[in-house]
PDB file of N, CA and C in Angstrom:
ATOM      1  N   MET A   1      98.425  74.903 112.789  1.00  0.00           N
ATOM      2  CA  MET A   1      98.899  74.425 111.528  1.00  0.00           C
ATOM      3  C   MET A   1      98.282  75.785 110.384  1.00  0.00           C
ATOM      4  N   PHE A   2      97.422  76.256 110.575  1.00  0.00           N
ATOM      5  CA  PHE A   2      97.032  77.437 109.934  1.00  0.00           C
ATOM      6  C   PHE A   2      97.902  78.440 110.231  1.00  0.00           C
ATOM      7  N   SER A   3      98.271  78.737 111.528  1.00  0.00           N
ATOM      8  CA  SER A   3      99.138  79.731 112.029  1.00  0.00           C
ATOM      9  C   SER A   3     100.656  79.599 111.411  1.00  0.00           C
ATOM     10  N   ILE A   4     100.946  78.563 111.063  1.00  0.00           N
ATOM     11  CA  ILE A   4     102.350  78.337 110.343  1.00  0.00           C
ATOM     12  C   ILE A   4     102.069  78.204 108.990  1.00  0.00           C
ATOM     13  N   LEU A   5     100.997  78.327 108.378  1.00  0.00           N
ATOM     14  CA  LEU A   5     100.622  78.780 106.763  1.00  0.00           C
ATOM     15  C   LEU A   5     100.605  80.271 106.829  1.00  0.00           C
ATOM     16  N   TRP A   6      99.995  80.875 107.787  1.00  0.00           N
ATOM     17  CA  TRP A   6      99.642  82.139 107.718  1.00  0.00           C
ATOM     18  C   TRP A   6     101.008  83.053 107.860  1.00  0.00           C
ATOM     19  N   ARG A   7     102.121  82.468 108.929  1.00  0.00           N
ATOM     20  CA  ARG A   7     103.113  83.223 108.848  1.00  0.00           C
ATOM     21  C   ARG A   7     104.240  82.879 108.079  1.00  0.00           C
ATOM     22  N   PHE A   8     104.000  81.859 106.992  1.00  0.00           N
ATOM     23  CA  PHE A   8     104.830  81.351 106.105  1.00  0.00           C
ATOM     24  C   PHE A   8     105.080  82.384 104.941  1.00  0.00           C
ATOM     25  N   PHE A   9     103.679  82.898 104.489  1.00  0.00           N
ATOM     26  CA  PHE A   9     103.756  83.472 103.280  1.00  0.00           C
ATOM     27  C   PHE A   9     103.579  85.060 103.373  1.00  0.00           C
ATOM     28  N   PRO A  10     104.295  85.856 102.649  1.00  0.00           N
ATOM     29  CA  PRO A  10     104.600  87.395 103.092  1.00  0.00           C
ATOM     30  C   PRO A  10     103.608  88.323 102.348  1.00  0.00           C
ATOM     31  N   GLY A  11     103.615  89.411 102.846  1.00  0.00           N
ATOM     32  CA  GLY A  11     102.393  90.552 102.197  1.00  0.00           C
ATOM     33  C   GLY A  11     101.231  90.608 103.241  1.00  0.00           C
ATOM     34  N   PRO A  12     100.337  91.441 102.778  1.00  0.00           N
ATOM     35  CA  PRO A  12      99.117  91.872 103.617  1.00  0.00           C
ATOM     36  C   PRO A  12      98.128  90.689 103.421  1.00  0.00           C
ATOM     37  N   ALA A  13      97.351  90.744 104.487  1.00  0.00           N
ATOM     38  CA  ALA A  13      96.319  89.712 104.964  1.00  0.00           C
ATOM     39  C   ALA A  13      95.598  89.399 103.594  1.00  0.00           C
ATOM     40  N   TRP A  14      95.088  90.305 102.765  1.00  0.00           N
ATOM     41  CA  TRP A  14      94.314  89.634 101.383  1.00  0.00           C
ATOM     42  C   TRP A  14      94.783  89.138 100.865  1.00  0.00           C
ATOM     43  N   LEU A  15      96.245  89.505 100.427  1.00  0.00           N
ATOM     44  CA  LEU A  15      97.060  88.589  99.414  1.00  0.00           C
ATOM     45  C   LEU A  15      97.515  87.094 100.179  1.00  0.00           C
ATOM     46  N   ARG A  16      97.806  86.882 101.789  1.00  0.00           N
ATOM     47  CA  ARG A  16      97.865  85.652 101.833  1.00  0.00           C
ATOM     48  C   ARG A  16      96.629  85.034 102.062  1.00  0.00           C
ATOM     49  N   VAL A  17      95.460  85.314 102.131  1.00  0.00           N
ATOM     50  CA  VAL A  17      93.949  84.619 101.912  1.00  0.00           C
ATOM     51  C   VAL A  17      93.830  84.493 100.410  1.00  0.00           C
ATOM     52  N   LEU A  18      94.301  84.937  99.599  1.00  0.00           N
ATOM     53  CA  LEU A  18      94.602  84.927  98.049  1.00  0.00           C
ATOM     54  C   LEU A  18      95.168  83.473  97.852  1.00  0.00           C
ATOM     55  N   VAL A  19      96.744  83.709  98.272  1.00  0.00           N
ATOM     56  CA  VAL A  19      97.299  82.793  97.885  1.00  0.00           C
ATOM     57  C   VAL A  19      97.058  81.343  98.720  1.00  0.00           C
ATOM     58  N   LEU A  20      96.740  81.195  99.895  1.00  0.00           N
ATOM     59  CA  LEU A  20      96.064  80.169 100.540  1.00  0.00           C
ATOM     60  C   LEU A  20      94.704  79.434  99.858  1.00  0.00           C
ATOM     61  N   LEU A  21      93.744  80.584  99.635  1.00  0.00           N
ATOM     62  CA  LEU A  21      92.780  79.821  98.555  1.00  0.00           C
ATOM     63  C   LEU A  21      93.463  79.425  97.370  1.00  0.00           C
ATOM     64  N   VAL A  22      94.369  79.672  96.766  1.00  0.00           N
ATOM     65  CA  VAL A  22      94.630  79.183  95.255  1.00  0.00           C
ATOM     66  C   VAL A  22      95.341  78.228  95.577  1.00  0.00           C
ATOM     67  N   ALA A  23      96.433  78.002  96.874  1.00  0.00           N
ATOM     68  CA  ALA A  23      96.603  76.700  97.210  1.00  0.00           C
ATOM     69  C   ALA A  23      95.746  75.358  97.351  1.00  0.00           C
ATOM     70  N   LEU A  24      94.790  75.926  98.192  1.00  0.00           N
ATOM     71  CA  LEU A  24      93.884  74.809  98.337  1.00  0.00           C
ATOM     72  C   LEU A  24      93.069  74.316  97.320  1.00  0.00           C
ATOM     73  N   ALA A  25      93.018  75.207  96.342  1.00  0.00           N
ATOM     74  CA  ALA A  25      92.193  74.908  94.963  1.00  0.00           C
ATOM     75  C   ALA A  25      93.421  74.168  94.399  1.00  0.00           C
ATOM     76  N   ALA A  26      94.215  74.167  94.142  1.00  0.00           N
ATOM     77  CA  ALA A  26      95.453  73.068  93.747  1.00  0.00           C
ATOM     78  C   ALA A  26      95.525  71.935  94.127  1.00  0.00           C
ATOM     79  N   VAL A  27      95.425  71.834  95.550  1.00  0.00           N
ATOM     80  CA  VAL A  27      95.342  70.407  96.584  1.00  0.00           C
ATOM     81  C   VAL A  27      94.238  69.695  96.017  1.00  0.00           C
ATOM     82  N   VAL A  28      93.092  70.253  96.089  1.00  0.00           N
ATOM     83  CA  VAL A  28      91.787  69.894  95.669  1.00  0.00           C
ATOM     84  C   VAL A  28      91.908  69.290  94.374  1.00  0.00           C
ATOM     85  N   TYR A  29      92.594  69.819  93.534  1.00  0.00           N
ATOM     86  CA  TYR A  29      92.364  69.602  92.083  1.00  0.00           C
ATOM     87  C   TYR A  29      93.243  68.514  91.621  1.00  0.00           C
ATOM     88  N   ALA A  30      94.567  68.248  92.221  1.00  0.00           N
ATOM     89  CA  ALA A  30      95.642  67.391  92.284  1.00  0.00           C
ATOM     90  C   ALA A  30      94.883  66.050  92.895  1.00  0.00           C
ATOM     91  N   LEU A  31      94.094  66.432  93.998  1.00  0.00           N
ATOM     92  CA  LEU A  31      93.399  64.982  94.841  1.00  0.00           C
ATOM     93  C   LEU A  31      92.492  64.371  93.735  1.00  0.00           C
ATOM     94  N   ILE A  32      91.753  65.124  92.887  1.00  0.00           N
ATOM     95  CA  ILE A  32      90.561  64.421  92.297  1.00  0.00           C
ATOM     96  C   ILE A  32      91.093  64.125  91.018  1.00  0.00           C
ATOM     97  N   THR A  33      91.913  64.851  90.334  1.00  0.00           N
ATOM     98  CA  THR A  33      92.901  64.539  89.282  1.00  0.00           C
ATOM     99  C   THR A  33      93.836  63.369  89.018  1.00  0.00           C
ATOM    100  N   TYR A  34      94.267  63.051  90.368  1.00  0.00           N
ATOM    101  CA  TYR A  34      95.407  62.024  90.046  1.00  0.00           C
ATOM    102  C   TYR A  34      95.422  61.113  91.290  1.00  0.00           C
ATOM    103  N   VAL A  35      95.197  61.584  92.329  1.00  0.00           N
ATOM    104  CA  VAL A  35      95.195  60.439  93.785  1.00  0.00           C
ATOM    105  C   VAL A  35      94.108  59.711  93.586  1.00  0.00           C
ATOM    106  N   TYR A  36      92.741  60.351  93.823  1.00  0.00           N
ATOM    107  CA  TYR A  36      91.756  59.464  94.107  1.00  0.00           C
ATOM    108  C   TYR A  36      91.636  58.540  92.853  1.00  0.00           C
ATOM    109  N   PRO A  37      91.829  58.572  91.118  1.00  0.00           N
ATOM    110  CA  PRO A  37      91.930  57.539  90.304  1.00  0.00           C
ATOM    111  C   PRO A  37      92.801  56.807  90.586  1.00  0.00           C
ATOM    112  N   TRP A  38      93.870  56.914  91.226  1.00  0.00           N
ATOM    113  CA  TRP A  38      94.989  56.079  91.330  1.00  0.00           C
ATOM    114  C   TRP A  38      94.481  54.949  92.629  1.00  0.00           C
ATOM    115  N   VAL A  39      93.848  55.575  93.574  1.00  0.00           N
ATOM    116  CA  VAL A  39      93.315  54.761  94.536  1.00  0.00           C
ATOM    117  C   VAL A  39      92.345  54.079  94.359  1.00  0.00           C
ATOM    118  N   ALA A  40      91.346  54.154  93.589  1.00  0.00           N
ATOM    119  CA  ALA A  40      90.261  53.599  92.957  1.00  0.00           C
ATOM    120  C   ALA A  40      90.980  52.376  91.887  1.00  0.00           C
ATOM    121  N   LEU A  41      91.862  52.505  91.194  1.00  0.00           N
ATOM    122  CA  LEU A  41      92.557  51.434  90.529  1.00  0.00           C
ATOM    123  C   LEU A  41      93.255  50.397  91.740  1.00  0.00           C
ATOM    124  N   GLN A  42      93.565  50.646  92.742  1.00  0.00           N
ATOM    125  CA  GLN A  42      94.102  49.961  93.651  1.00  0.00           C
ATOM    126  C   GLN A  42      93.401  49.209  94.861  1.00  0.00           C
ATOM    127  N   LEU A  43      92.417  49.664  94.762  1.00  0.00           N
ATOM    128  CA  LEU A  43      91.453  48.790  95.414  1.00  0.00           C
ATOM    129  C   LEU A  43      90.678  47.745  94.592  1.00  0.00           C
ATOM    130  N   PRO A  44      90.546  46.535  95.363  1.00  0.00           N
ATOM    131  CA  PRO A  44      89.682  45.456  94.705  1.00  0.00           C
ATOM    132  C   PRO A  44      88.382  45.812  94.183  1.00  0.00           C
ATOM    133  N   ALA A  45      88.119  45.270  93.086  1.00  0.00           N
ATOM    134  CA  ALA A  45      86.908  45.226  92.161  1.00  0.00           C
ATOM    135  C   ALA A  45      85.679  44.456  93.203  1.00  0.00           C
ATOM    136  N   GLN A  46      84.295  45.306  93.294  1.00  0.00           N
ATOM    137  CA  GLN A  46      83.620  44.664  94.249  1.00  0.00           C
ATOM    138  C   GLN A  46      82.593  44.289  93.080  1.00  0.00           C
ATOM    139  N   GLU A  47      81.978  42.990  93.005  1.00  0.00           N
ATOM    140  CA  GLU A  47      81.052  42.762  92.476  1.00  0.00           C
ATOM    141  C   GLU A  47      79.531  43.057  93.176  1.00  0.00           C
ATOM    142  N   VAL A  48      79.005  43.783  92.699  1.00  0.00           N
ATOM    143  CA  VAL A  48      77.840  43.989  93.494  1.00  0.00           C
ATOM    144  C   VAL A  48      76.124  43.736  92.568  1.00  0.00           C
ATOM    145  N   THR A  49      75.694  43.075  93.069  1.00  0.00           N
ATOM    146  CA  THR A  49      74.140  42.647  92.067  1.00  0.00           C
ATOM    147  C   THR A  49      73.017  43.051  93.038  1.00  0.00           C
ATOM    148  N   VAL A  50      72.020  43.411  92.165  1.00  0.00           N
ATOM    149  CA  VAL A  50      71.032  43.794  92.968  1.00  0.00           C
ATOM    150  C   VAL A  50      69.647  42.950  92.245  1.00  0.00           C
ATOM    151  N   GLY A  51      69.206  42.062  92.951  1.00  0.00           N
ATOM    152  CA  GLY A  51      67.993  41.172  92.566  1.00  0.00           C
ATOM    153  C   GLY A  51      66.614  42.000  92.189  1.00  0.00           C
ATOM    154  N   THR A  52      66.314  41.326  91.306  1.00  0.00           N
ATOM    155  CA  THR A  52      64.812  41.993  91.099  1.00  0.00           C
ATOM    156  C   THR A  52      63.874  41.175  91.553  1.00  0.00           C
TER     157      THR A  52
END
């Protein structure tokens, strides 16, 4: 999988690494901002009580 991405991006190695890091950061940002909150709304609410 990584070799496919490595061959997909043109340019020298340092530019490929930079582009892959930016792409990874964008994916993580999208997951945290959009995907995880949507999934949390789709899951049923759990009522957890802790006895004293």
